[in-house]
Amino acid sequence: MTNEQYAKAMTSDKKAIDNMLRVMDKYGDNRWCLSDDVKRMCYFQLQEDSLLIEFEVLHKGVETLLNRGVQTIEFRDLGKLFEEAKTKYNPA
Protein backbone atom coordinates (compact mmCIF):
# COMPACT_ATOMS: atom_id res chain seq x y z
CA MET A 1 0.00 0.00 0.00
CA THR A 2 1.35 3.41 -0.92
CA ASN A 3 1.17 6.43 1.36
CA GLU A 4 -1.47 7.95 -0.92
CA GLN A 5 -3.59 4.79 -0.84
CA TYR A 6 -3.34 4.72 2.94
CA ALA A 7 -4.34 8.37 3.32
CA LYS A 8 -7.29 7.93 0.95
CA ALA A 9 -8.41 4.85 2.88
CA MET A 10 -8.41 6.90 6.09
CA THR A 11 -10.36 9.91 4.78
CA SER A 12 -11.86 11.47 1.68
CA ASP A 13 -11.03 15.03 2.79
CA LYS A 14 -8.47 16.42 0.30
CA LYS A 15 -6.91 18.80 2.83
CA ALA A 16 -6.53 16.01 5.40
CA ILE A 17 -5.02 13.70 2.76
CA ASP A 18 -2.49 16.34 1.76
CA ASN A 19 -1.58 16.91 5.41
CA MET A 20 -1.21 13.17 6.05
CA LEU A 21 1.04 12.80 3.01
CA ARG A 22 3.18 15.72 4.16
CA VAL A 23 3.67 14.09 7.56
CA MET A 24 4.32 10.65 6.06
CA ASP A 25 6.91 12.08 3.66
CA LYS A 26 8.97 13.31 6.64
CA TYR A 27 9.60 9.71 7.62
CA GLY A 28 10.78 8.38 4.25
CA ASP A 29 10.99 4.59 4.38
CA ASN A 30 9.90 4.50 8.03
CA ARG A 31 6.25 3.63 7.44
CA TRP A 32 5.35 3.37 11.10
CA CYS A 33 1.66 4.08 10.54
CA LEU A 34 1.43 0.77 8.65
CA SER A 35 3.33 -1.20 11.28
CA ASP A 36 1.96 -4.35 12.88
CA ASP A 37 3.73 -3.28 16.08
CA VAL A 38 1.22 -1.10 17.95
CA LYS A 39 3.89 0.18 20.35
CA ARG A 40 6.00 1.39 17.42
CA MET A 41 2.99 2.98 15.75
CA CYS A 42 1.98 4.83 18.88
CA TYR A 43 5.53 5.90 19.76
CA PHE A 44 5.83 7.74 16.46
CA GLN A 45 2.23 8.99 16.45
CA LEU A 46 2.80 10.70 19.79
CA GLN A 47 5.40 12.89 18.04
CA GLU A 48 2.85 14.23 15.56
CA ASP A 49 -0.01 16.71 15.86
CA SER A 50 -1.69 15.16 12.80
CA LEU A 51 -3.39 11.86 13.49
CA LEU A 52 -2.31 9.19 11.00
CA ILE A 53 -3.91 6.25 12.78
CA GLU A 54 -7.37 5.80 14.22
CA PHE A 55 -7.73 7.38 17.64
CA GLU A 56 -9.05 4.13 19.16
CA VAL A 57 -5.88 2.35 18.01
CA LEU A 58 -3.75 5.16 19.42
CA HIS A 59 -5.53 5.13 22.77
CA LYS A 60 -5.29 1.36 23.28
CA GLY A 61 -1.76 1.29 21.89
CA VAL A 62 -0.52 4.03 24.21
CA GLU A 63 -1.99 2.13 27.14
CA THR A 64 -0.06 -0.94 25.99
CA LEU A 65 3.11 1.08 25.40
CA LEU A 66 2.95 2.79 28.80
CA ASN A 67 1.63 -0.30 30.57
CA ARG A 68 -1.12 1.69 32.30
CA GLY A 69 -4.56 3.09 31.73
CA VAL A 70 -4.56 6.44 29.93
CA GLN A 71 -7.38 8.93 30.38
CA THR A 72 -8.61 10.49 27.13
CA ILE A 73 -7.87 13.96 28.54
CA GLU A 74 -4.17 13.04 28.76
CA PHE A 75 -4.00 13.27 24.95
CA ARG A 76 -4.26 17.06 25.32
CA ASP A 77 -0.56 16.97 26.25
CA LEU A 78 1.11 14.74 23.67
CA GLY A 79 4.53 15.97 24.76
CA LYS A 80 4.06 14.61 28.26
CA LEU A 81 2.83 11.26 26.93
CA PHE A 82 5.78 11.12 24.53
CA GLU A 83 8.26 11.85 27.32
CA GLU A 84 6.82 8.91 29.24
CA ALA A 85 6.85 6.76 26.09
CA LYS A 86 10.57 7.46 25.61
CA THR A 87 11.24 5.79 28.96
CA LYS A 88 9.28 2.70 27.91
CA TYR A 89 10.18 2.20 24.25
CA ASN A 90 13.30 2.59 22.16
CA PRO A 91 12.70 1.93 18.47
CA ALA A 92 15.47 0.27 16.52
PDB file of N, CA and C in Angstrom:
ATOM      1  N   MET A   1       0.847  -1.179   0.000  1.00  0.00           N
ATOM      2  CA  MET A   1       0.000   0.000   0.000  1.00  0.00           C
ATOM      3  C   MET A   1       0.890   1.238   0.000  1.00  0.00           C
ATOM      4  N   THR A   2       0.592   2.157  -0.872  1.00  0.00           N
ATOM      5  CA  THR A   2       1.353   3.408  -0.925  1.00  0.00           C
ATOM      6  C   THR A   2       0.842   4.370   0.150  1.00  0.00           C
ATOM      7  N   ASN A   3       1.615   5.408   0.408  1.00  0.00           N
ATOM      8  CA  ASN A   3       1.173   6.427   1.358  1.00  0.00           C
ATOM      9  C   ASN A   3      -0.142   7.052   0.907  1.00  0.00           C
ATOM     10  N   GLU A   4      -0.250   7.334  -0.388  1.00  0.00           N
ATOM     11  CA  GLU A   4      -1.470   7.948  -0.917  1.00  0.00           C
ATOM     12  C   GLU A   4      -2.677   7.014  -0.759  1.00  0.00           C
ATOM     13  N   GLN A   5      -2.492   5.751  -1.028  1.00  0.00           N
ATOM     14  CA  GLN A   5      -3.586   4.789  -0.844  1.00  0.00           C
ATOM     15  C   GLN A   5      -4.017   4.734   0.620  1.00  0.00           C
ATOM     16  N   TYR A   6      -3.036   4.744   1.512  1.00  0.00           N
ATOM     17  CA  TYR A   6      -3.338   4.717   2.942  1.00  0.00           C
ATOM     18  C   TYR A   6      -4.138   5.949   3.349  1.00  0.00           C
ATOM     19  N   ALA A   7      -3.663   7.122   2.946  1.00  0.00           N
ATOM     20  CA  ALA A   7      -4.339   8.374   3.317  1.00  0.00           C
ATOM     21  C   ALA A   7      -5.764   8.394   2.773  1.00  0.00           C
ATOM     22  N   LYS A   8      -5.952   7.946   1.547  1.00  0.00           N
ATOM     23  CA  LYS A   8      -7.292   7.932   0.955  1.00  0.00           C
ATOM     24  C   LYS A   8      -8.195   6.903   1.615  1.00  0.00           C
ATOM     25  N   ALA A   9      -7.620   5.844   2.156  1.00  0.00           N
ATOM     26  CA  ALA A   9      -8.413   4.853   2.885  1.00  0.00           C
ATOM     27  C   ALA A   9      -8.865   5.395   4.240  1.00  0.00           C
ATOM     28  N   MET A  10      -8.097   6.331   4.779  1.00  0.00           N
ATOM     29  CA  MET A  10      -8.415   6.900   6.089  1.00  0.00           C
ATOM     30  C   MET A  10      -9.457   8.011   6.005  1.00  0.00           C
ATOM     31  N   THR A  11      -9.454   8.770   4.905  1.00  0.00           N
ATOM     32  CA  THR A  11     -10.363   9.911   4.777  1.00  0.00           C
ATOM     33  C   THR A  11     -10.550  10.269   3.309  1.00  0.00           C
ATOM     34  N   SER A  12     -11.636  10.961   3.043  1.00  0.00           N
ATOM     35  CA  SER A  12     -11.856  11.466   1.682  1.00  0.00           C
ATOM     36  C   SER A  12     -11.620  12.977   1.610  1.00  0.00           C
ATOM     37  N   ASP A  13     -11.273  13.596   2.722  1.00  0.00           N
ATOM     38  CA  ASP A  13     -11.027  15.027   2.785  1.00  0.00           C
ATOM     39  C   ASP A  13      -9.672  15.363   2.160  1.00  0.00           C
ATOM     40  N   LYS A  14      -9.686  16.112   1.065  1.00  0.00           N
ATOM     41  CA  LYS A  14      -8.471  16.417   0.303  1.00  0.00           C
ATOM     42  C   LYS A  14      -7.422  17.124   1.166  1.00  0.00           C
ATOM     43  N   LYS A  15      -7.847  18.073   1.970  1.00  0.00           N
ATOM     44  CA  LYS A  15      -6.914  18.801   2.831  1.00  0.00           C
ATOM     45  C   LYS A  15      -6.260  17.854   3.847  1.00  0.00           C
ATOM     46  N   ALA A  16      -7.059  16.975   4.427  1.00  0.00           N
ATOM     47  CA  ALA A  16      -6.528  16.009   5.396  1.00  0.00           C
ATOM     48  C   ALA A  16      -5.565  15.038   4.721  1.00  0.00           C
ATOM     49  N   ILE A  17      -5.909  14.596   3.508  1.00  0.00           N
ATOM     50  CA  ILE A  17      -5.023  13.696   2.763  1.00  0.00           C
ATOM     51  C   ILE A  17      -3.687  14.373   2.493  1.00  0.00           C
ATOM     52  N   ASP A  18      -3.724  15.606   2.029  1.00  0.00           N
ATOM     53  CA  ASP A  18      -2.487  16.343   1.760  1.00  0.00           C
ATOM     54  C   ASP A  18      -1.645  16.494   3.019  1.00  0.00           C
ATOM     55  N   ASN A  19      -2.291  16.770   4.140  1.00  0.00           N
ATOM     56  CA  ASN A  19      -1.583  16.910   5.407  1.00  0.00           C
ATOM     57  C   ASN A  19      -0.960  15.581   5.828  1.00  0.00           C
ATOM     58  N   MET A  20      -1.725  14.499   5.696  1.00  0.00           N
ATOM     59  CA  MET A  20      -1.211  13.173   6.049  1.00  0.00           C
ATOM     60  C   MET A  20       0.005  12.831   5.198  1.00  0.00           C
ATOM     61  N   LEU A  21      -0.080  13.106   3.907  1.00  0.00           N
ATOM     62  CA  LEU A  21       1.039  12.796   3.008  1.00  0.00           C
ATOM     63  C   LEU A  21       2.272  13.622   3.354  1.00  0.00           C
ATOM     64  N   ARG A  22       2.064  14.869   3.741  1.00  0.00           N
ATOM     65  CA  ARG A  22       3.185  15.723   4.155  1.00  0.00           C
ATOM     66  C   ARG A  22       3.882  15.132   5.378  1.00  0.00           C
ATOM     67  N   VAL A  23       3.101  14.693   6.346  1.00  0.00           N
ATOM     68  CA  VAL A  23       3.669  14.093   7.557  1.00  0.00           C
ATOM     69  C   VAL A  23       4.383  12.786   7.212  1.00  0.00           C
ATOM     70  N   MET A  24       3.733  11.944   6.417  1.00  0.00           N
ATOM     71  CA  MET A  24       4.323  10.651   6.062  1.00  0.00           C
ATOM     72  C   MET A  24       5.629  10.826   5.295  1.00  0.00           C
ATOM     73  N   ASP A  25       5.700  11.838   4.447  1.00  0.00           N
ATOM     74  CA  ASP A  25       6.911  12.084   3.664  1.00  0.00           C
ATOM     75  C   ASP A  25       8.112  12.394   4.548  1.00  0.00           C
ATOM     76  N   LYS A  26       7.874  12.991   5.715  1.00  0.00           N
ATOM     77  CA  LYS A  26       8.969  13.306   6.639  1.00  0.00           C
ATOM     78  C   LYS A  26       9.725  12.059   7.067  1.00  0.00           C
ATOM     79  N   TYR A  27       9.025  10.931   7.079  1.00  0.00           N
ATOM     80  CA  TYR A  27       9.601   9.707   7.620  1.00  0.00           C
ATOM     81  C   TYR A  27      10.239   8.807   6.564  1.00  0.00           C
ATOM     82  N   GLY A  28      10.145   9.173   5.299  1.00  0.00           N
ATOM     83  CA  GLY A  28      10.780   8.383   4.246  1.00  0.00           C
ATOM     84  C   GLY A  28      10.324   6.937   4.260  1.00  0.00           C
ATOM     85  N   ASP A  29      11.285   6.033   4.397  1.00  0.00           N
ATOM     86  CA  ASP A  29      10.988   4.591   4.381  1.00  0.00           C
ATOM     87  C   ASP A  29      10.437   4.075   5.710  1.00  0.00           C
ATOM     88  N   ASN A  30      10.453   4.893   6.730  1.00  0.00           N
ATOM     89  CA  ASN A  30       9.896   4.499   8.031  1.00  0.00           C
ATOM     90  C   ASN A  30       8.378   4.655   7.954  1.00  0.00           C
ATOM     91  N   ARG A  31       7.709   3.596   7.629  1.00  0.00           N
ATOM     92  CA  ARG A  31       6.253   3.632   7.439  1.00  0.00           C
ATOM     93  C   ARG A  31       5.558   3.124   8.706  1.00  0.00           C
ATOM     94  N   TRP A  32       5.836   3.801   9.797  1.00  0.00           N
ATOM     95  CA  TRP A  32       5.351   3.374  11.104  1.00  0.00           C
ATOM     96  C   TRP A  32       3.835   3.291  11.189  1.00  0.00           C
ATOM     97  N   CYS A  33       3.119   4.103  10.437  1.00  0.00           N
ATOM     98  CA  CYS A  33       1.656   4.082  10.536  1.00  0.00           C
ATOM     99  C   CYS A  33       1.066   2.813   9.930  1.00  0.00           C
ATOM    100  N   LEU A  34       1.869   2.040   9.218  1.00  0.00           N
ATOM    101  CA  LEU A  34       1.427   0.768   8.655  1.00  0.00           C
ATOM    102  C   LEU A  34       2.000  -0.422   9.414  1.00  0.00           C
ATOM    103  N   SER A  35       2.663  -0.158  10.516  1.00  0.00           N
ATOM    104  CA  SER A  35       3.327  -1.203  11.281  1.00  0.00           C
ATOM    105  C   SER A  35       2.326  -2.153  11.945  1.00  0.00           C
ATOM    106  N   ASP A  36       2.747  -3.381  12.107  1.00  0.00           N
ATOM    107  CA  ASP A  36       1.961  -4.347  12.876  1.00  0.00           C
ATOM    108  C   ASP A  36       2.265  -4.229  14.365  1.00  0.00           C
ATOM    109  N   ASP A  37       3.299  -3.475  14.695  1.00  0.00           N
ATOM    110  CA  ASP A  37       3.734  -3.278  16.075  1.00  0.00           C
ATOM    111  C   ASP A  37       3.049  -2.024  16.634  1.00  0.00           C
ATOM    112  N   VAL A  38       2.015  -2.230  17.442  1.00  0.00           N
ATOM    113  CA  VAL A  38       1.220  -1.104  17.948  1.00  0.00           C
ATOM    114  C   VAL A  38       2.052  -0.166  18.819  1.00  0.00           C
ATOM    115  N   LYS A  39       3.028  -0.679  19.530  1.00  0.00           N
ATOM    116  CA  LYS A  39       3.886   0.181  20.348  1.00  0.00           C
ATOM    117  C   LYS A  39       4.695   1.111  19.451  1.00  0.00           C
ATOM    118  N   ARG A  40       5.240   0.577  18.373  1.00  0.00           N
ATOM    119  CA  ARG A  40       6.004   1.386  17.418  1.00  0.00           C
ATOM    120  C   ARG A  40       5.110   2.456  16.797  1.00  0.00           C
ATOM    121  N   MET A  41       3.932   2.043  16.365  1.00  0.00           N
ATOM    122  CA  MET A  41       2.989   2.975  15.747  1.00  0.00           C
ATOM    123  C   MET A  41       2.683   4.134  16.693  1.00  0.00           C
ATOM    124  N   CYS A  42       2.390   3.809  17.914  1.00  0.00           N
ATOM    125  CA  CYS A  42       1.984   4.832  18.883  1.00  0.00           C
ATOM    126  C   CYS A  42       3.155   5.701  19.313  1.00  0.00           C
ATOM    127  N   TYR A  43       4.339   5.123  19.411  1.00  0.00           N
ATOM    128  CA  TYR A  43       5.529   5.901  19.761  1.00  0.00           C
ATOM    129  C   TYR A  43       5.729   7.038  18.757  1.00  0.00           C
ATOM    130  N   PHE A  44       5.638   6.712  17.487  1.00  0.00           N
ATOM    131  CA  PHE A  44       5.830   7.741  16.463  1.00  0.00           C
ATOM    132  C   PHE A  44       4.624   8.666  16.370  1.00  0.00           C
ATOM    133  N   GLN A  45       3.425   8.140  16.534  1.00  0.00           N
ATOM    134  CA  GLN A  45       2.229   8.987  16.446  1.00  0.00           C
ATOM    135  C   GLN A  45       2.231  10.047  17.530  1.00  0.00           C
ATOM    136  N   LEU A  46       2.751   9.728  18.701  1.00  0.00           N
ATOM    137  CA  LEU A  46       2.801  10.697  19.793  1.00  0.00           C
ATOM    138  C   LEU A  46       3.687  11.896  19.464  1.00  0.00           C
ATOM    139  N   GLN A  47       4.515  11.788  18.433  1.00  0.00           N
ATOM    140  CA  GLN A  47       5.397  12.888  18.039  1.00  0.00           C
ATOM    141  C   GLN A  47       4.744  13.811  17.021  1.00  0.00           C
ATOM    142  N   GLU A  48       3.520  13.478  16.611  1.00  0.00           N
ATOM    143  CA  GLU A  48       2.848  14.227  15.557  1.00  0.00           C
ATOM    144  C   GLU A  48       1.552  14.851  16.045  1.00  0.00           C
ATOM    145  N   ASP A  49       1.267  16.067  15.569  1.00  0.00           N
ATOM    146  CA  ASP A  49      -0.011  16.711  15.856  1.00  0.00           C
ATOM    147  C   ASP A  49      -1.110  16.194  14.935  1.00  0.00           C
ATOM    148  N   SER A  50      -0.721  15.693  13.770  1.00  0.00           N
ATOM    149  CA  SER A  50      -1.692  15.162  12.803  1.00  0.00           C
ATOM    150  C   SER A  50      -1.861  13.668  13.024  1.00  0.00           C
ATOM    151  N   LEU A  51      -3.083  13.263  13.209  1.00  0.00           N
ATOM    152  CA  LEU A  51      -3.386  11.864  13.485  1.00  0.00           C
ATOM    153  C   LEU A  51      -3.326  11.050  12.202  1.00  0.00           C
ATOM    154  N   LEU A  52      -2.438  10.052  12.166  1.00  0.00           N
ATOM    155  CA  LEU A  52      -2.307   9.189  11.000  1.00  0.00           C
ATOM    156  C   LEU A  52      -2.920   7.815  11.228  1.00  0.00           C
ATOM    157  N   ILE A  53      -3.261   7.516  12.458  1.00  0.00           N
ATOM    158  CA  ILE A  53      -3.910   6.247  12.776  1.00  0.00           C
ATOM    159  C   ILE A  53      -5.224   6.551  13.489  1.00  0.00           C
ATOM    160  N   GLU A  54      -6.086   5.580  13.546  1.00  0.00           N
ATOM    161  CA  GLU A  54      -7.371   5.796  14.216  1.00  0.00           C
ATOM    162  C   GLU A  54      -7.138   6.072  15.694  1.00  0.00           C
ATOM    163  N   PHE A  55      -7.931   6.999  16.248  1.00  0.00           N
ATOM    164  CA  PHE A  55      -7.734   7.380  17.641  1.00  0.00           C
ATOM    165  C   PHE A  55      -7.897   6.186  18.580  1.00  0.00           C
ATOM    166  N   GLU A  56      -8.835   5.300  18.302  1.00  0.00           N
ATOM    167  CA  GLU A  56      -9.048   4.134  19.157  1.00  0.00           C
ATOM    168  C   GLU A  56      -7.795   3.262  19.212  1.00  0.00           C
ATOM    169  N   VAL A  57      -7.125   3.120  18.071  1.00  0.00           N
ATOM    170  CA  VAL A  57      -5.877   2.350  18.009  1.00  0.00           C
ATOM    171  C   VAL A  57      -4.803   3.064  18.816  1.00  0.00           C
ATOM    172  N   LEU A  58      -4.722   4.377  18.664  1.00  0.00           N
ATOM    173  CA  LEU A  58      -3.752   5.162  19.419  1.00  0.00           C
ATOM    174  C   LEU A  58      -3.984   5.018  20.918  1.00  0.00           C
ATOM    175  N   HIS A  59      -5.215   5.176  21.340  1.00  0.00           N
ATOM    176  CA  HIS A  59      -5.525   5.129  22.769  1.00  0.00           C
ATOM    177  C   HIS A  59      -5.140   3.773  23.373  1.00  0.00           C
ATOM    178  N   LYS A  60      -5.613   2.701  22.759  1.00  0.00           N
ATOM    179  CA  LYS A  60      -5.294   1.356  23.278  1.00  0.00           C
ATOM    180  C   LYS A  60      -3.800   1.075  23.181  1.00  0.00           C
ATOM    181  N   GLY A  61      -3.180   1.514  22.078  1.00  0.00           N
ATOM    182  CA  GLY A  61      -1.755   1.286  21.891  1.00  0.00           C
ATOM    183  C   GLY A  61      -0.900   2.029  22.895  1.00  0.00           C
ATOM    184  N   VAL A  62      -1.275   3.260  23.207  1.00  0.00           N
ATOM    185  CA  VAL A  62      -0.519   4.029  24.205  1.00  0.00           C
ATOM    186  C   VAL A  62      -0.664   3.362  25.575  1.00  0.00           C
ATOM    187  N   GLU A  63      -1.826   2.857  25.879  1.00  0.00           N
ATOM    188  CA  GLU A  63      -1.989   2.126  27.145  1.00  0.00           C
ATOM    189  C   GLU A  63      -1.071   0.908  27.186  1.00  0.00           C
ATOM    190  N   THR A  64      -0.962   0.208  26.070  1.00  0.00           N
ATOM    191  CA  THR A  64      -0.060  -0.944  25.986  1.00  0.00           C
ATOM    192  C   THR A  64       1.388  -0.492  26.106  1.00  0.00           C
ATOM    193  N   LEU A  65       1.744   0.551  25.385  1.00  0.00           N
ATOM    194  CA  LEU A  65       3.106   1.081  25.402  1.00  0.00           C
ATOM    195  C   LEU A  65       3.519   1.531  26.799  1.00  0.00           C
ATOM    196  N   LEU A  66       2.630   2.237  27.469  1.00  0.00           N
ATOM    197  CA  LEU A  66       2.954   2.785  28.796  1.00  0.00           C
ATOM    198  C   LEU A  66       2.661   1.812  29.927  1.00  0.00           C
ATOM    199  N   ASN A  67       1.982   0.727  29.587  1.00  0.00           N
ATOM    200  CA  ASN A  67       1.631  -0.301  30.566  1.00  0.00           C
ATOM    201  C   ASN A  67       0.786   0.264  31.715  1.00  0.00           C
ATOM    202  N   ARG A  68      -0.190   1.109  31.326  1.00  0.00           N
ATOM    203  CA  ARG A  68      -1.116   1.689  32.304  1.00  0.00           C
ATOM    204  C   ARG A  68      -2.338   2.223  31.573  1.00  0.00           C
ATOM    205  N   GLY A  69      -3.391   2.443  32.307  1.00  0.00           N
ATOM    206  CA  GLY A  69      -4.561   3.089  31.734  1.00  0.00           C
ATOM    207  C   GLY A  69      -4.250   4.552  31.429  1.00  0.00           C
ATOM    208  N   VAL A  70      -4.788   5.049  30.334  1.00  0.00           N
ATOM    209  CA  VAL A  70      -4.557   6.438  29.935  1.00  0.00           C
ATOM    210  C   VAL A  70      -5.913   7.111  29.756  1.00  0.00           C
ATOM    211  N   GLN A  71      -6.147   8.169  30.501  1.00  0.00           N
ATOM    212  CA  GLN A  71      -7.381   8.930  30.379  1.00  0.00           C
ATOM    213  C   GLN A  71      -7.379   9.686  29.054  1.00  0.00           C
ATOM    214  N   THR A  72      -8.512   9.786  28.413  1.00  0.00           N
ATOM    215  CA  THR A  72      -8.611  10.494  27.132  1.00  0.00           C
ATOM    216  C   THR A  72      -8.069  11.914  27.243  1.00  0.00           C
ATOM    217  N   ILE A  73      -8.326  12.573  28.356  1.00  0.00           N
ATOM    218  CA  ILE A  73      -7.874  13.955  28.537  1.00  0.00           C
ATOM    219  C   ILE A  73      -6.344  14.083  28.496  1.00  0.00           C
ATOM    220  N   GLU A  74      -5.633  12.996  28.786  1.00  0.00           N
ATOM    221  CA  GLU A  74      -4.169  13.036  28.756  1.00  0.00           C
ATOM    222  C   GLU A  74      -3.627  13.303  27.355  1.00  0.00           C
ATOM    223  N   PHE A  75      -4.438  13.036  26.320  1.00  0.00           N
ATOM    224  CA  PHE A  75      -3.998  13.266  24.949  1.00  0.00           C
ATOM    225  C   PHE A  75      -3.942  14.759  24.605  1.00  0.00           C
ATOM    226  N   ARG A  76      -4.391  15.607  25.517  1.00  0.00           N
ATOM    227  CA  ARG A  76      -4.255  17.059  25.322  1.00  0.00           C
ATOM    228  C   ARG A  76      -2.799  17.479  25.419  1.00  0.00           C
ATOM    229  N   ASP A  77      -1.978  16.660  26.087  1.00  0.00           N
ATOM    230  CA  ASP A  77      -0.555  16.973  26.247  1.00  0.00           C
ATOM    231  C   ASP A  77       0.269  15.817  25.665  1.00  0.00           C
ATOM    232  N   LEU A  78       0.379  15.809  24.337  1.00  0.00           N
ATOM    233  CA  LEU A  78       1.112  14.736  23.669  1.00  0.00           C
ATOM    234  C   LEU A  78       2.580  14.722  24.080  1.00  0.00           C
ATOM    235  N   GLY A  79       3.132  15.892  24.349  1.00  0.00           N
ATOM    236  CA  GLY A  79       4.532  15.972  24.759  1.00  0.00           C
ATOM    237  C   GLY A  79       4.792  15.198  26.038  1.00  0.00           C
ATOM    238  N   LYS A  80       3.898  15.321  26.989  1.00  0.00           N
ATOM    239  CA  LYS A  80       4.055  14.609  28.257  1.00  0.00           C
ATOM    240  C   LYS A  80       3.943  13.102  28.042  1.00  0.00           C
ATOM    241  N   LEU A  81       2.961  12.686  27.232  1.00  0.00           N
ATOM    242  CA  LEU A  81       2.826  11.260  26.931  1.00  0.00           C
ATOM    243  C   LEU A  81       4.066  10.744  26.198  1.00  0.00           C
ATOM    244  N   PHE A  82       4.599  11.553  25.268  1.00  0.00           N
ATOM    245  CA  PHE A  82       5.781  11.124  24.527  1.00  0.00           C
ATOM    246  C   PHE A  82       6.985  11.003  25.449  1.00  0.00           C
ATOM    247  N   GLU A  83       7.145  11.929  26.375  1.00  0.00           N
ATOM    248  CA  GLU A  83       8.262  11.845  27.323  1.00  0.00           C
ATOM    249  C   GLU A  83       8.185  10.543  28.121  1.00  0.00           C
ATOM    250  N   GLU A  84       6.984  10.175  28.529  1.00  0.00           N
ATOM    251  CA  GLU A  84       6.817   8.908  29.243  1.00  0.00           C
ATOM    252  C   GLU A  84       7.096   7.730  28.309  1.00  0.00           C
ATOM    253  N   ALA A  85       6.642   7.838  27.066  1.00  0.00           N
ATOM    254  CA  ALA A  85       6.850   6.762  26.091  1.00  0.00           C
ATOM    255  C   ALA A  85       8.342   6.535  25.840  1.00  0.00           C
ATOM    256  N   LYS A  86       9.132   7.608  25.840  1.00  0.00           N
ATOM    257  CA  LYS A  86      10.575   7.464  25.608  1.00  0.00           C
ATOM    258  C   LYS A  86      11.237   6.627  26.694  1.00  0.00           C
ATOM    259  N   THR A  87      10.654   6.602  27.883  1.00  0.00           N
ATOM    260  CA  THR A  87      11.239   5.793  28.959  1.00  0.00           C
ATOM    261  C   THR A  87      10.813   4.325  28.841  1.00  0.00           C
ATOM    262  N   LYS A  88       9.808   4.059  28.010  1.00  0.00           N
ATOM    263  CA  LYS A  88       9.278   2.696  27.912  1.00  0.00           C
ATOM    264  C   LYS A  88       9.617   1.997  26.596  1.00  0.00           C
ATOM    265  N   TYR A  89       9.987   2.783  25.578  1.00  0.00           N
ATOM    266  CA  TYR A  89      10.180   2.199  24.251  1.00  0.00           C
ATOM    267  C   TYR A  89      11.338   2.876  23.539  1.00  0.00           C
ATOM    268  N   ASN A  90      12.177   2.059  22.927  1.00  0.00           N
ATOM    269  CA  ASN A  90      13.302   2.587  22.164  1.00  0.00           C
ATOM    270  C   ASN A  90      13.316   1.907  20.805  1.00  0.00           C
ATOM    271  N   PRO A  91      12.760   2.578  19.776  1.00  0.00           N
ATOM    272  CA  PRO A  91      12.695   1.926  18.467  1.00  0.00           C
ATOM    273  C   PRO A  91      14.086   1.695  17.872  1.00  0.00           C
ATOM    274  N   ALA A  92      14.187   0.623  17.147  1.00  0.00           N
ATOM    275  CA  ALA A  92      15.474   0.268  16.525  1.00  0.00           C
ATOM    276  C   ALA A  92      15.749   1.116  15.312  1.00  0.00           C
TER     277      ALA A  92
END
